[in-house]
Amino acid sequence: MIARKPAFVLTALGAVAAAFIAAPTIAAPSSIAGKWKTGDGKAIVTIAPCGQSLCGRITKFLVPEPPGGARDGKNPDSSQRDRMLLGSAILWNLQPKGSAFSGNGYSPEAGRNFNATVTRSGNGLKVKGCVLLFCQSQNWTKV
């Protein structure tokens, strides 16, 4: 005699299998590596791997620099105010989080660090910076 499994067990197994098959997969965010023109059109930032994350460095200015080069004059750390901005990291520790990358950022114009969220959309990036509850966004374009 062949033992039969109760119908409710087979129905339950079928429902579990269907749930796994139908479950949406969470895709990694689109790559943000490359060269990007900032939203204000003043600089090119190159986003590339640095350690286990991604970093964005100022690699070119699109506006004339002052004699001797642009310096980090508004840095809250007075010992950093004479450093050159060209080559400095303004985004770091960017790691995938959902459909975006999250990490840290720095605005040389404001002399302020912020929590950064970077999302790619086609040939553009939305770079969002938040300090406490206050956020601002810029749209960058692929170079």
C-alpha atoms as a PDB file:
ATOM      1  CA  MET A   1       0.000   0.000   0.000  1.00  0.00           C
ATOM      2  CA  ILE A   2       1.324   3.461  -0.906  1.00  0.00           C
ATOM      3  CA  ALA A   3       1.129   6.111   1.798  1.00  0.00           C
ATOM      4  CA  ARG A   4      -0.481   9.317   0.664  1.00  0.00           C
ATOM      5  CA  LYS A   5       0.367  12.739   1.990  1.00  0.00           C
ATOM      6  CA  PRO A   6      -2.545  14.775   3.170  1.00  0.00           C
ATOM      7  CA  ALA A   7      -3.706  17.327   0.601  1.00  0.00           C
ATOM      8  CA  PHE A   8      -3.128  20.285   2.925  1.00  0.00           C
ATOM      9  CA  VAL A   9       0.617  19.451   3.170  1.00  0.00           C
ATOM     10  CA  LEU A  10       0.985  19.476  -0.606  1.00  0.00           C
ATOM     11  CA  THR A  11      -1.018  22.690  -0.840  1.00  0.00           C
ATOM     12  CA  ALA A  12       1.160  24.345   1.810  1.00  0.00           C
ATOM     13  CA  LEU A  13       4.367  23.228   0.075  1.00  0.00           C
ATOM     14  CA  GLY A  14       3.050  24.571  -3.219  1.00  0.00           C
ATOM     15  CA  ALA A  15       2.232  27.932  -1.644  1.00  0.00           C
ATOM     16  CA  VAL A  16       5.711  28.215  -0.123  1.00  0.00           C
ATOM     17  CA  ALA A  17       7.350  27.351  -3.449  1.00  0.00           C
ATOM     18  CA  ALA A  18       5.193  29.909  -5.269  1.00  0.00           C
ATOM     19  CA  ALA A  19       6.146  32.597  -2.752  1.00  0.00           C
ATOM     20  CA  PHE A  20       9.850  32.023  -3.395  1.00  0.00           C
ATOM     21  CA  ILE A  21       9.411  32.021  -7.138  1.00  0.00           C
ATOM     22  CA  ALA A  22       7.283  35.185  -7.116  1.00  0.00           C
ATOM     23  CA  ALA A  23       9.416  37.059  -4.553  1.00  0.00           C
ATOM     24  CA  PRO A  24      11.006  40.143  -6.104  1.00  0.00           C
ATOM     25  CA  THR A  25      14.766  40.107  -6.263  1.00  0.00           C
ATOM     26  CA  ILE A  26      16.614  43.107  -4.940  1.00  0.00           C
ATOM     27  CA  ALA A  27      18.943  44.259  -7.674  1.00  0.00           C
ATOM     28  CA  ALA A  28      22.237  45.961  -6.942  1.00  0.00           C
ATOM     29  CA  PRO A  29      22.231  49.668  -7.788  1.00  0.00           C
ATOM     30  CA  SER A  30      23.588  50.744 -11.178  1.00  0.00           C
ATOM     31  CA  SER A  31      27.299  51.510 -11.207  1.00  0.00           C
ATOM     32  CA  ILE A  32      28.212  55.086 -10.352  1.00  0.00           C
ATOM     33  CA  ALA A  33      31.909  54.721 -11.232  1.00  0.00           C
ATOM     34  CA  GLY A  34      33.195  57.204 -13.787  1.00  0.00           C
ATOM     35  CA  LYS A  35      33.660  60.916 -14.399  1.00  0.00           C
ATOM     36  CA  TRP A  36      30.806  63.260 -13.476  1.00  0.00           C
ATOM     37  CA  LYS A  37      30.252  67.001 -13.927  1.00  0.00           C
ATOM     38  CA  THR A  38      28.886  68.547 -10.743  1.00  0.00           C
ATOM     39  CA  GLY A  39      25.449  70.162 -10.754  1.00  0.00           C
ATOM     40  CA  ASP A  40      26.894  73.671 -10.554  1.00  0.00           C
ATOM     41  CA  GLY A  41      29.179  72.937 -13.532  1.00  0.00           C
ATOM     42  CA  LYS A  42      32.322  73.919 -11.628  1.00  0.00           C
ATOM     43  CA  ALA A  43      34.187  70.604 -11.447  1.00  0.00           C
ATOM     44  CA  ILE A  44      34.622  67.040 -12.634  1.00  0.00           C
ATOM     45  CA  VAL A  45      34.478  64.389  -9.906  1.00  0.00           C
ATOM     46  CA  THR A  46      35.822  60.910 -10.601  1.00  0.00           C
ATOM     47  CA  ILE A  47      34.119  58.113  -8.673  1.00  0.00           C
ATOM     48  CA  ALA A  48      36.244  54.978  -8.380  1.00  0.00           C
ATOM     49  CA  PRO A  49      36.973  52.117  -5.986  1.00  0.00           C
ATOM     50  CA  CYS A  50      38.987  52.935  -2.884  1.00  0.00           C
ATOM     51  CA  GLY A  51      39.368  50.013  -0.523  1.00  0.00           C
ATOM     52  CA  GLN A  52      36.074  48.184  -0.038  1.00  0.00           C
ATOM     53  CA  SER A  53      33.926  51.131  -1.140  1.00  0.00           C
ATOM     54  CA  LEU A  54      33.776  53.937  -3.719  1.00  0.00           C
ATOM     55  CA  CYS A  55      35.170  57.458  -3.400  1.00  0.00           C
ATOM     56  CA  GLY A  56      34.658  60.620  -5.421  1.00  0.00           C
ATOM     57  CA  ARG A  57      37.625  62.966  -5.949  1.00  0.00           C
ATOM     58  CA  ILE A  58      37.793  66.354  -7.636  1.00  0.00           C
ATOM     59  CA  THR A  59      39.888  65.632 -10.723  1.00  0.00           C
ATOM     60  CA  LYS A  60      39.353  68.797 -12.785  1.00  0.00           C
ATOM     61  CA  PHE A  61      38.030  72.302 -12.331  1.00  0.00           C
ATOM     62  CA  LEU A  62      35.869  73.775 -15.103  1.00  0.00           C
ATOM     63  CA  VAL A  63      36.214  77.316 -13.781  1.00  0.00           C
ATOM     64  CA  PRO A  64      39.470  79.249 -13.390  1.00  0.00           C
ATOM     65  CA  GLU A  65      41.291  78.518 -10.149  1.00  0.00           C
ATOM     66  CA  PRO A  66      42.803  81.355  -8.138  1.00  0.00           C
ATOM     67  CA  PRO A  67      46.578  81.826  -8.402  1.00  0.00           C
ATOM     68  CA  GLY A  68      48.261  78.974  -6.548  1.00  0.00           C
ATOM     69  CA  GLY A  69      45.211  76.700  -6.917  1.00  0.00           C
ATOM     70  CA  ALA A  70      41.893  76.321  -5.124  1.00  0.00           C
ATOM     71  CA  ARG A  71      42.309  75.719  -1.395  1.00  0.00           C
ATOM     72  CA  ASP A  72      39.971  74.297   1.229  1.00  0.00           C
ATOM     73  CA  GLY A  73      39.578  77.678   2.957  1.00  0.00           C
ATOM     74  CA  LYS A  74      36.241  76.902   4.669  1.00  0.00           C
ATOM     75  CA  ASN A  75      37.335  73.611   6.211  1.00  0.00           C
ATOM     76  CA  PRO A  76      36.218  73.484   9.870  1.00  0.00           C
ATOM     77  CA  ASP A  77      39.657  72.057  10.717  1.00  0.00           C
ATOM     78  CA  SER A  78      41.953  75.101  10.454  1.00  0.00           C
ATOM     79  CA  SER A  79      44.978  72.850   9.798  1.00  0.00           C
ATOM     80  CA  GLN A  80      43.287  71.688   6.531  1.00  0.00           C
ATOM     81  CA  ARG A  81      42.441  75.106   5.123  1.00  0.00           C
ATOM     82  CA  ASP A  82      45.598  75.346   3.034  1.00  0.00           C
ATOM     83  CA  ARG A  83      45.186  71.943   1.349  1.00  0.00           C
ATOM     84  CA  MET A  84      44.613  71.817  -2.393  1.00  0.00           C
ATOM     85  CA  LEU A  85      41.078  70.918  -3.449  1.00  0.00           C
ATOM     86  CA  LEU A  86      42.195  69.330  -6.723  1.00  0.00           C
ATOM     87  CA  GLY A  87      42.538  65.619  -5.938  1.00  0.00           C
ATOM     88  CA  SER A  88      40.701  65.807  -2.614  1.00  0.00           C
ATOM     89  CA  ALA A  89      37.915  63.354  -1.774  1.00  0.00           C
ATOM     90  CA  ILE A  90      34.460  64.887  -1.508  1.00  0.00           C
ATOM     91  CA  LEU A  91      32.622  61.525  -1.401  1.00  0.00           C
ATOM     92  CA  TRP A  92      33.857  58.441   0.439  1.00  0.00           C
ATOM     93  CA  ASN A  93      32.733  55.163   1.955  1.00  0.00           C
ATOM     94  CA  LEU A  94      30.013  54.835  -0.709  1.00  0.00           C
ATOM     95  CA  GLN A  95      28.487  51.365  -0.480  1.00  0.00           C
ATOM     96  CA  PRO A  96      25.390  49.835  -2.085  1.00  0.00           C
ATOM     97  CA  LYS A  97      22.221  50.254  -0.070  1.00  0.00           C
ATOM     98  CA  GLY A  98      19.003  49.287  -1.835  1.00  0.00           C
ATOM     99  CA  SER A  99      18.888  51.036  -5.215  1.00  0.00           C
ATOM    100  CA  ALA A 100      21.482  53.683  -4.254  1.00  0.00           C
ATOM    101  CA  PHE A 101      24.902  54.130  -2.681  1.00  0.00           C
ATOM    102  CA  SER A 102      25.230  55.591   0.803  1.00  0.00           C
ATOM    103  CA  GLY A 103      28.290  57.043   2.471  1.00  0.00           C
ATOM    104  CA  ASN A 104      29.838  60.352   3.451  1.00  0.00           C
ATOM    105  CA  GLY A 105      30.450  63.614   1.673  1.00  0.00           C
ATOM    106  CA  TYR A 106      32.107  66.986   2.074  1.00  0.00           C
ATOM    107  CA  SER A 107      31.188  70.342   0.566  1.00  0.00           C
ATOM    108  CA  PRO A 108      34.275  72.557   0.204  1.00  0.00           C
ATOM    109  CA  GLU A 109      32.032  75.535  -0.580  1.00  0.00           C
ATOM    110  CA  ALA A 110      30.195  75.173   2.745  1.00  0.00           C
ATOM    111  CA  GLY A 111      33.035  73.579   4.732  1.00  0.00           C
ATOM    112  CA  ARG A 112      30.595  70.918   5.908  1.00  0.00           C
ATOM    113  CA  ASN A 113      30.478  67.114   6.080  1.00  0.00           C
ATOM    114  CA  PHE A 114      27.203  65.357   5.276  1.00  0.00           C
ATOM    115  CA  ASN A 115      25.570  61.964   4.898  1.00  0.00           C
ATOM    116  CA  ALA A 116      25.533  61.184   1.176  1.00  0.00           C
ATOM    117  CA  THR A 117      23.122  59.171  -0.948  1.00  0.00           C
ATOM    118  CA  VAL A 118      23.976  58.740  -4.619  1.00  0.00           C
ATOM    119  CA  THR A 119      21.491  57.323  -7.126  1.00  0.00           C
ATOM    120  CA  ARG A 120      22.104  56.744 -10.833  1.00  0.00           C
ATOM    121  CA  SER A 121      19.469  57.405 -13.453  1.00  0.00           C
ATOM    122  CA  GLY A 122      20.659  56.897 -17.045  1.00  0.00           C
ATOM    123  CA  ASN A 123      23.486  59.377 -17.701  1.00  0.00           C
ATOM    124  CA  GLY A 124      22.832  61.256 -14.486  1.00  0.00           C
ATOM    125  CA  LEU A 125      23.497  61.014 -10.787  1.00  0.00           C
ATOM    126  CA  LYS A 126      21.381  62.427  -8.017  1.00  0.00           C
ATOM    127  CA  VAL A 127      23.725  63.351  -5.184  1.00  0.00           C
ATOM    128  CA  LYS A 128      21.822  64.030  -1.986  1.00  0.00           C
ATOM    129  CA  GLY A 129      23.494  65.402   1.116  1.00  0.00           C
ATOM    130  CA  CYS A 130      21.853  65.550   4.541  1.00  0.00           C
ATOM    131  CA  VAL A 131      22.924  67.178   7.789  1.00  0.00           C
ATOM    132  CA  LEU A 132      20.527  66.216  10.561  1.00  0.00           C
ATOM    133  CA  LEU A 133      17.083  66.693   8.981  1.00  0.00           C
ATOM    134  CA  PHE A 134      18.154  69.189   6.308  1.00  0.00           C
ATOM    135  CA  CYS A 135      18.902  67.812   2.829  1.00  0.00           C
ATOM    136  CA  GLN A 136      19.971  69.246  -0.524  1.00  0.00           C
ATOM    137  CA  SER A 137      20.352  67.489  -3.862  1.00  0.00           C
ATOM    138  CA  GLN A 138      22.351  68.090  -7.009  1.00  0.00           C
ATOM    139  CA  ASN A 139      22.050  66.396 -10.375  1.00  0.00           C
ATOM    140  CA  TRP A 140      25.387  65.476 -11.911  1.00  0.00           C
ATOM    141  CA  THR A 141      25.931  64.485 -15.552  1.00  0.00           C
ATOM    142  CA  LYS A 142      28.190  61.836 -17.062  1.00  0.00           C
ATOM    143  CA  VAL A 143      31.287  63.222 -18.776  1.00  0.00           C
END
